[in-house]
N, C-alpha and C. Protein backbone atom coordinates (compact mmCIF):
# COMPACT_ATOMS: atom_id res chain seq x y z
N MET A 1 -13.58 -34.96 -60.60
CA MET A 1 -14.28 -33.85 -59.99
C MET A 1 -15.66 -34.32 -59.54
N ARG A 2 -16.02 -33.94 -58.32
CA ARG A 2 -17.34 -34.26 -57.78
C ARG A 2 -18.09 -32.98 -57.47
N ARG A 3 -19.41 -33.08 -57.50
CA ARG A 3 -20.27 -31.97 -57.08
C ARG A 3 -21.24 -32.52 -56.05
N LEU A 4 -21.35 -31.84 -54.91
CA LEU A 4 -22.36 -32.15 -53.91
C LEU A 4 -23.37 -31.01 -53.91
N VAL A 5 -24.64 -31.35 -53.80
CA VAL A 5 -25.69 -30.36 -53.59
C VAL A 5 -26.28 -30.69 -52.23
N VAL A 6 -26.30 -29.70 -51.33
CA VAL A 6 -26.83 -29.95 -50.00
C VAL A 6 -28.20 -29.31 -49.86
N GLY A 7 -29.02 -29.91 -49.03
CA GLY A 7 -30.37 -29.44 -48.79
C GLY A 7 -30.82 -29.95 -47.44
N VAL A 8 -32.12 -30.18 -47.31
CA VAL A 8 -32.65 -30.70 -46.06
C VAL A 8 -33.48 -31.94 -46.34
N ASP A 9 -33.50 -32.86 -45.36
CA ASP A 9 -34.32 -34.07 -45.50
C ASP A 9 -35.72 -33.81 -44.95
N ALA A 10 -36.55 -34.84 -44.91
CA ALA A 10 -37.94 -34.69 -44.47
C ALA A 10 -38.03 -34.21 -43.03
N ALA A 11 -36.98 -34.45 -42.23
CA ALA A 11 -36.98 -34.01 -40.83
C ALA A 11 -36.38 -32.61 -40.67
N GLY A 12 -36.00 -31.96 -41.78
CA GLY A 12 -35.42 -30.62 -41.71
C GLY A 12 -33.95 -30.59 -41.38
N ARG A 13 -33.26 -31.74 -41.47
CA ARG A 13 -31.83 -31.81 -41.17
C ARG A 13 -31.02 -31.56 -42.44
N SER A 14 -29.92 -30.84 -42.33
CA SER A 14 -29.06 -30.61 -43.49
C SER A 14 -28.41 -31.92 -43.91
N CYS A 15 -28.32 -32.13 -45.23
CA CYS A 15 -27.78 -33.39 -45.75
C CYS A 15 -27.38 -33.20 -47.21
N VAL A 16 -26.67 -34.17 -47.74
CA VAL A 16 -26.37 -34.18 -49.17
C VAL A 16 -27.61 -34.74 -49.87
N VAL A 17 -28.15 -33.97 -50.83
CA VAL A 17 -29.33 -34.43 -51.55
C VAL A 17 -28.99 -34.94 -52.95
N GLU A 18 -27.77 -34.61 -53.42
CA GLU A 18 -27.35 -35.08 -54.74
C GLU A 18 -25.83 -35.08 -54.80
N GLU A 19 -25.26 -36.12 -55.41
CA GLU A 19 -23.81 -36.20 -55.62
C GLU A 19 -23.57 -36.66 -57.04
N THR A 20 -22.70 -35.93 -57.74
CA THR A 20 -22.40 -36.23 -59.13
C THR A 20 -20.89 -36.32 -59.30
N THR A 21 -20.42 -37.31 -60.04
CA THR A 21 -19.02 -37.39 -60.42
C THR A 21 -18.95 -37.09 -61.92
N PHE A 22 -18.13 -36.12 -62.27
CA PHE A 22 -18.01 -35.73 -63.67
C PHE A 22 -16.96 -36.59 -64.36
N PRO A 23 -17.19 -36.95 -65.61
CA PRO A 23 -16.22 -37.77 -66.33
C PRO A 23 -14.93 -36.98 -66.61
N ALA A 24 -13.83 -37.72 -66.74
CA ALA A 24 -12.57 -37.08 -67.12
C ALA A 24 -12.72 -36.53 -68.53
N PRO A 25 -12.15 -35.36 -68.80
CA PRO A 25 -12.31 -34.79 -70.14
C PRO A 25 -11.62 -35.64 -71.20
N ALA A 26 -12.23 -35.66 -72.38
CA ALA A 26 -11.63 -36.35 -73.53
C ALA A 26 -10.55 -35.46 -74.12
N ASP A 27 -10.02 -35.86 -75.26
CA ASP A 27 -8.97 -35.06 -75.90
C ASP A 27 -9.47 -33.69 -76.32
N ALA A 28 -10.73 -33.61 -76.71
CA ALA A 28 -11.32 -32.32 -77.12
C ALA A 28 -11.91 -31.64 -75.89
N PRO A 29 -12.03 -30.32 -75.90
CA PRO A 29 -12.68 -29.62 -74.78
C PRO A 29 -14.09 -30.14 -74.57
N SER A 30 -14.51 -30.19 -73.31
CA SER A 30 -15.87 -30.63 -73.00
C SER A 30 -16.51 -29.64 -72.05
N THR A 31 -17.82 -29.65 -72.01
CA THR A 31 -18.57 -28.77 -71.12
C THR A 31 -19.52 -29.63 -70.30
N GLU A 32 -19.49 -29.44 -68.99
CA GLU A 32 -20.40 -30.12 -68.09
C GLU A 32 -21.13 -29.07 -67.27
N LEU A 33 -22.45 -29.15 -67.19
CA LEU A 33 -23.22 -28.25 -66.35
C LEU A 33 -22.97 -28.64 -64.89
N ILE A 34 -22.48 -27.70 -64.10
CA ILE A 34 -22.26 -27.97 -62.69
C ILE A 34 -23.55 -27.73 -61.92
N HIS A 35 -24.17 -26.58 -62.10
CA HIS A 35 -25.43 -26.27 -61.41
C HIS A 35 -26.03 -25.03 -62.04
N GLN A 36 -27.36 -24.96 -62.06
CA GLN A 36 -28.03 -23.74 -62.48
C GLN A 36 -29.23 -23.52 -61.59
N THR A 37 -29.56 -22.27 -61.37
CA THR A 37 -30.74 -21.97 -60.59
C THR A 37 -31.97 -22.11 -61.49
N THR A 38 -33.11 -22.31 -60.87
CA THR A 38 -34.33 -22.54 -61.65
C THR A 38 -35.38 -21.46 -61.46
N SER A 39 -35.07 -20.44 -60.65
CA SER A 39 -36.02 -19.36 -60.46
C SER A 39 -35.27 -18.07 -60.16
N SER A 40 -35.96 -16.98 -60.44
CA SER A 40 -35.43 -15.66 -60.11
C SER A 40 -36.61 -14.81 -59.66
N PRO A 41 -36.61 -14.28 -58.46
CA PRO A 41 -35.51 -14.37 -57.51
C PRO A 41 -35.35 -15.79 -56.97
N LEU A 42 -34.21 -16.02 -56.34
CA LEU A 42 -33.94 -17.32 -55.74
C LEU A 42 -34.90 -17.58 -54.60
N PRO A 43 -35.17 -18.85 -54.30
CA PRO A 43 -36.11 -19.16 -53.21
C PRO A 43 -35.51 -18.84 -51.84
N VAL A 44 -36.39 -18.68 -50.87
CA VAL A 44 -35.99 -18.49 -49.48
C VAL A 44 -35.34 -19.78 -49.00
N ARG A 45 -34.30 -19.66 -48.16
CA ARG A 45 -33.63 -20.85 -47.63
C ARG A 45 -34.56 -21.60 -46.70
N PRO A 46 -34.30 -22.90 -46.49
CA PRO A 46 -35.11 -23.65 -45.53
C PRO A 46 -34.82 -23.18 -44.11
N PRO A 47 -35.73 -23.43 -43.17
CA PRO A 47 -35.46 -23.06 -41.78
C PRO A 47 -34.20 -23.76 -41.28
N GLY A 48 -33.44 -23.09 -40.45
CA GLY A 48 -32.22 -23.67 -39.89
C GLY A 48 -32.29 -23.73 -38.38
N ASN A 49 -31.42 -24.54 -37.80
CA ASN A 49 -31.33 -24.65 -36.35
C ASN A 49 -30.09 -23.96 -35.80
N ALA A 50 -29.08 -23.78 -36.65
CA ALA A 50 -27.81 -23.17 -36.22
C ALA A 50 -27.93 -21.65 -36.29
N ALA A 51 -26.88 -20.99 -35.85
CA ALA A 51 -26.84 -19.53 -35.88
C ALA A 51 -26.85 -19.03 -37.33
N THR A 52 -27.48 -17.88 -37.52
CA THR A 52 -27.48 -17.23 -38.83
C THR A 52 -26.23 -16.36 -38.92
N VAL A 53 -25.49 -16.47 -40.01
CA VAL A 53 -24.35 -15.60 -40.27
C VAL A 53 -24.78 -14.66 -41.39
N ASP A 54 -24.78 -13.36 -41.11
CA ASP A 54 -25.19 -12.36 -42.10
C ASP A 54 -23.99 -12.00 -42.98
N LEU A 55 -24.02 -12.44 -44.23
CA LEU A 55 -22.94 -12.13 -45.17
C LEU A 55 -23.13 -10.77 -45.83
N GLU A 56 -24.22 -10.06 -45.47
CA GLU A 56 -24.51 -8.73 -45.97
C GLU A 56 -24.56 -8.68 -47.50
N ILE A 57 -25.29 -9.64 -48.06
CA ILE A 57 -25.48 -9.70 -49.50
C ILE A 57 -26.98 -9.64 -49.75
N ALA A 58 -27.43 -8.57 -50.38
CA ALA A 58 -28.86 -8.39 -50.65
C ALA A 58 -29.34 -9.45 -51.64
N PRO A 59 -30.62 -9.82 -51.57
CA PRO A 59 -31.17 -10.79 -52.51
C PRO A 59 -30.85 -10.40 -53.96
N GLY A 60 -30.34 -11.37 -54.71
CA GLY A 60 -30.01 -11.15 -56.12
C GLY A 60 -28.61 -10.64 -56.37
N MET A 61 -27.93 -10.16 -55.33
CA MET A 61 -26.56 -9.66 -55.49
C MET A 61 -25.59 -10.83 -55.35
N ALA A 62 -24.39 -10.70 -55.92
CA ALA A 62 -23.40 -11.77 -55.90
C ALA A 62 -22.07 -11.27 -55.37
N ARG A 63 -21.31 -12.18 -54.77
CA ARG A 63 -19.95 -11.89 -54.31
C ARG A 63 -19.09 -13.11 -54.60
N TRP A 64 -17.88 -12.89 -55.12
CA TRP A 64 -16.95 -13.97 -55.42
C TRP A 64 -15.73 -13.77 -54.54
N THR A 65 -15.39 -14.76 -53.71
CA THR A 65 -14.27 -14.63 -52.79
C THR A 65 -13.36 -15.84 -52.85
N LEU A 66 -12.15 -15.64 -52.40
CA LEU A 66 -11.20 -16.72 -52.19
C LEU A 66 -11.15 -16.95 -50.69
N VAL A 67 -11.48 -18.15 -50.24
CA VAL A 67 -11.51 -18.47 -48.81
C VAL A 67 -10.34 -19.39 -48.52
N GLN A 68 -9.54 -19.03 -47.51
CA GLN A 68 -8.39 -19.83 -47.14
C GLN A 68 -8.50 -20.25 -45.68
N PHE A 69 -8.49 -21.57 -45.45
CA PHE A 69 -8.52 -22.12 -44.10
C PHE A 69 -7.12 -22.60 -43.73
N GLN A 70 -6.74 -22.35 -42.49
CA GLN A 70 -5.49 -22.89 -41.97
C GLN A 70 -5.69 -24.38 -41.67
N PRO A 71 -4.61 -25.16 -41.60
CA PRO A 71 -4.74 -26.58 -41.28
C PRO A 71 -5.56 -26.80 -40.01
N GLY A 72 -6.56 -27.67 -40.11
CA GLY A 72 -7.39 -28.02 -38.96
C GLY A 72 -8.39 -26.96 -38.53
N GLN A 73 -8.45 -25.82 -39.20
CA GLN A 73 -9.38 -24.76 -38.81
C GLN A 73 -10.82 -25.22 -39.00
N ARG A 74 -11.68 -24.84 -38.05
CA ARG A 74 -13.08 -25.25 -38.08
C ARG A 74 -13.98 -24.04 -37.84
N THR A 75 -15.10 -24.00 -38.53
CA THR A 75 -16.10 -22.97 -38.27
C THR A 75 -17.21 -23.56 -37.41
N LEU A 76 -18.00 -22.70 -36.82
CA LEU A 76 -19.17 -23.15 -36.08
C LEU A 76 -20.28 -23.50 -37.07
N MET A 77 -21.20 -24.34 -36.67
CA MET A 77 -22.38 -24.66 -37.48
C MET A 77 -23.15 -23.36 -37.68
N HIS A 78 -23.60 -23.11 -38.92
CA HIS A 78 -24.29 -21.86 -39.24
C HIS A 78 -25.11 -22.04 -40.52
N HIS A 79 -25.89 -21.03 -40.85
CA HIS A 79 -26.57 -20.95 -42.15
C HIS A 79 -26.58 -19.49 -42.58
N THR A 80 -26.81 -19.26 -43.85
CA THR A 80 -26.80 -17.92 -44.41
C THR A 80 -27.99 -17.75 -45.35
N ASP A 81 -28.35 -16.50 -45.60
CA ASP A 81 -29.40 -16.19 -46.58
C ASP A 81 -28.76 -16.01 -47.95
N THR A 82 -28.08 -17.09 -48.40
CA THR A 82 -27.40 -17.09 -49.68
C THR A 82 -27.44 -18.49 -50.27
N ILE A 83 -27.17 -18.59 -51.55
CA ILE A 83 -26.83 -19.85 -52.17
C ILE A 83 -25.35 -19.72 -52.53
N ASP A 84 -24.56 -20.70 -52.12
CA ASP A 84 -23.11 -20.64 -52.25
C ASP A 84 -22.63 -21.69 -53.24
N PHE A 85 -21.72 -21.29 -54.11
CA PHE A 85 -21.09 -22.19 -55.08
C PHE A 85 -19.61 -22.24 -54.73
N ASP A 86 -19.16 -23.31 -54.07
CA ASP A 86 -17.79 -23.44 -53.58
C ASP A 86 -17.03 -24.46 -54.43
N THR A 87 -15.83 -24.10 -54.88
CA THR A 87 -14.95 -25.01 -55.60
C THR A 87 -13.62 -25.07 -54.86
N ILE A 88 -13.17 -26.27 -54.54
CA ILE A 88 -11.91 -26.44 -53.82
C ILE A 88 -10.77 -26.28 -54.81
N VAL A 89 -9.88 -25.35 -54.51
CA VAL A 89 -8.73 -25.06 -55.37
C VAL A 89 -7.53 -25.90 -54.95
N SER A 90 -7.28 -25.95 -53.65
CA SER A 90 -6.15 -26.75 -53.14
C SER A 90 -6.45 -27.20 -51.73
N GLY A 91 -5.75 -28.24 -51.30
CA GLY A 91 -5.95 -28.78 -49.96
C GLY A 91 -7.23 -29.59 -49.88
N GLY A 92 -7.79 -29.64 -48.70
CA GLY A 92 -9.02 -30.40 -48.49
C GLY A 92 -9.81 -29.86 -47.33
N VAL A 93 -11.11 -30.13 -47.35
CA VAL A 93 -12.00 -29.65 -46.31
C VAL A 93 -13.18 -30.61 -46.20
N ASP A 94 -13.71 -30.75 -44.99
CA ASP A 94 -14.96 -31.48 -44.79
C ASP A 94 -16.06 -30.45 -44.63
N ILE A 95 -17.17 -30.62 -45.36
CA ILE A 95 -18.37 -29.86 -45.05
C ILE A 95 -19.12 -30.72 -44.05
N LEU A 96 -19.45 -30.13 -42.91
CA LEU A 96 -20.11 -30.84 -41.83
C LEU A 96 -21.59 -30.51 -41.89
N LEU A 97 -22.42 -31.53 -42.11
CA LEU A 97 -23.86 -31.39 -42.18
C LEU A 97 -24.49 -32.21 -41.08
N ASP A 98 -25.79 -32.10 -40.90
CA ASP A 98 -26.46 -32.90 -39.89
C ASP A 98 -26.30 -34.39 -40.16
N ASP A 99 -26.11 -34.77 -41.45
CA ASP A 99 -25.94 -36.20 -41.77
C ASP A 99 -24.47 -36.63 -41.74
N GLY A 100 -23.57 -35.76 -41.25
CA GLY A 100 -22.17 -36.12 -41.08
C GLY A 100 -21.24 -35.32 -41.96
N PRO A 101 -19.93 -35.66 -41.92
CA PRO A 101 -18.93 -34.96 -42.73
C PRO A 101 -18.88 -35.50 -44.16
N HIS A 102 -18.56 -34.61 -45.10
CA HIS A 102 -18.38 -34.99 -46.50
C HIS A 102 -17.09 -34.33 -46.97
N HIS A 103 -16.10 -35.14 -47.33
CA HIS A 103 -14.79 -34.61 -47.70
C HIS A 103 -14.78 -34.08 -49.13
N LEU A 104 -14.14 -32.93 -49.31
CA LEU A 104 -13.97 -32.31 -50.62
C LEU A 104 -12.49 -32.06 -50.84
N GLY A 105 -12.01 -32.39 -52.05
CA GLY A 105 -10.62 -32.16 -52.41
C GLY A 105 -10.53 -31.29 -53.65
N PRO A 106 -9.32 -31.04 -54.13
CA PRO A 106 -9.12 -30.15 -55.27
C PRO A 106 -10.01 -30.53 -56.46
N GLY A 107 -10.71 -29.53 -56.99
CA GLY A 107 -11.60 -29.72 -58.13
C GLY A 107 -13.03 -30.06 -57.72
N ASP A 108 -13.25 -30.53 -56.49
CA ASP A 108 -14.60 -30.82 -56.04
C ASP A 108 -15.34 -29.52 -55.78
N CYS A 109 -16.67 -29.58 -55.90
CA CYS A 109 -17.47 -28.39 -55.65
C CYS A 109 -18.73 -28.77 -54.89
N VAL A 110 -19.33 -27.77 -54.23
CA VAL A 110 -20.54 -27.99 -53.46
C VAL A 110 -21.45 -26.79 -53.62
N VAL A 111 -22.74 -27.06 -53.72
CA VAL A 111 -23.76 -26.02 -53.77
C VAL A 111 -24.47 -26.03 -52.42
N VAL A 112 -24.35 -24.92 -51.68
CA VAL A 112 -24.93 -24.83 -50.34
C VAL A 112 -26.07 -23.82 -50.39
N GLY A 113 -27.29 -24.32 -50.31
CA GLY A 113 -28.47 -23.47 -50.39
C GLY A 113 -28.98 -23.01 -49.04
N GLY A 114 -28.14 -22.36 -48.25
CA GLY A 114 -28.57 -21.76 -47.00
C GLY A 114 -28.87 -22.72 -45.86
N VAL A 115 -28.42 -23.97 -45.95
CA VAL A 115 -28.71 -24.95 -44.89
C VAL A 115 -27.64 -24.90 -43.81
N ASP A 116 -27.95 -25.50 -42.65
CA ASP A 116 -26.97 -25.59 -41.57
C ASP A 116 -25.75 -26.36 -42.04
N HIS A 117 -24.56 -25.78 -41.80
CA HIS A 117 -23.31 -26.44 -42.17
C HIS A 117 -22.15 -25.81 -41.42
N ALA A 118 -21.05 -26.52 -41.39
CA ALA A 118 -19.79 -26.02 -40.84
C ALA A 118 -18.67 -26.55 -41.73
N TRP A 119 -17.45 -26.03 -41.52
CA TRP A 119 -16.30 -26.44 -42.32
C TRP A 119 -15.18 -26.89 -41.39
N LEU A 120 -14.45 -27.93 -41.79
CA LEU A 120 -13.28 -28.42 -41.05
C LEU A 120 -12.18 -28.69 -42.07
N ALA A 121 -11.15 -27.83 -42.05
CA ALA A 121 -10.05 -27.96 -43.00
C ALA A 121 -9.18 -29.16 -42.66
N GLY A 122 -8.63 -29.78 -43.69
CA GLY A 122 -7.73 -30.91 -43.52
C GLY A 122 -6.38 -30.47 -43.00
N PRO A 123 -5.46 -31.43 -42.83
CA PRO A 123 -4.14 -31.13 -42.26
C PRO A 123 -3.29 -30.21 -43.13
N GLU A 124 -3.62 -30.10 -44.42
CA GLU A 124 -2.86 -29.21 -45.31
C GLU A 124 -3.54 -27.86 -45.50
N GLY A 125 -4.67 -27.64 -44.80
CA GLY A 125 -5.45 -26.42 -44.99
C GLY A 125 -6.28 -26.54 -46.26
N CYS A 126 -6.91 -25.45 -46.65
CA CYS A 126 -7.77 -25.49 -47.83
C CYS A 126 -7.93 -24.10 -48.42
N THR A 127 -7.91 -24.02 -49.72
CA THR A 127 -8.24 -22.80 -50.44
C THR A 127 -9.42 -23.11 -51.35
N SER A 128 -10.46 -22.27 -51.28
CA SER A 128 -11.62 -22.48 -52.13
C SER A 128 -12.05 -21.16 -52.77
N SER A 129 -12.61 -21.28 -53.95
CA SER A 129 -13.19 -20.17 -54.68
C SER A 129 -14.69 -20.25 -54.42
N VAL A 130 -15.28 -19.15 -53.91
CA VAL A 130 -16.68 -19.19 -53.48
C VAL A 130 -17.45 -18.03 -54.10
N VAL A 131 -18.54 -18.37 -54.78
CA VAL A 131 -19.49 -17.37 -55.28
C VAL A 131 -20.75 -17.50 -54.45
N VAL A 132 -21.19 -16.40 -53.84
CA VAL A 132 -22.42 -16.40 -53.06
C VAL A 132 -23.40 -15.43 -53.69
N ILE A 133 -24.67 -15.84 -53.73
CA ILE A 133 -25.74 -15.00 -54.26
C ILE A 133 -26.78 -14.85 -53.16
N GLY A 134 -27.16 -13.61 -52.85
CA GLY A 134 -28.12 -13.36 -51.79
C GLY A 134 -29.49 -13.89 -52.11
N THR A 135 -30.16 -14.45 -51.09
CA THR A 135 -31.53 -14.94 -51.21
C THR A 135 -32.40 -14.19 -50.19
N PRO A 136 -33.71 -14.16 -50.42
CA PRO A 136 -34.58 -13.50 -49.44
C PRO A 136 -34.54 -14.23 -48.10
N PRO A 137 -34.56 -13.49 -46.99
CA PRO A 137 -34.62 -14.17 -45.69
C PRO A 137 -35.99 -14.79 -45.49
N PRO A 138 -36.06 -15.82 -44.64
CA PRO A 138 -37.37 -16.43 -44.37
C PRO A 138 -38.29 -15.46 -43.65
N GLY A 139 -39.57 -15.66 -43.86
CA GLY A 139 -40.62 -14.93 -43.15
C GLY A 139 -40.53 -13.50 -43.29
């Protein structure tokens, strides 16, 4: 299982800022911290260049959805006023950032903090479990 955290670089471009590979579990149950927020309310997202998609989630509110992409389906580059916690359940998908595509497969997860991104499903499609938490809009 891998976790990607996306953010922006010094030039304001969306990119992977952290990548972690979790160890395989031992015989006994194990617990690994995937991600935690460090402030409440959550911070405002960084400025974006792509279109804003309004998920209609007020700051501090949460929504948990199952997202299913058809094989080869692609979204437009966009950003949202949310922090998203996505876990790939089945299939595969590329998260497309300004620094290029990053492939995610079953068990992989990504934390998207409102930066410019798009999705491109693999040839088998993709199912992901997504929790989004509303953040304050910029300005």
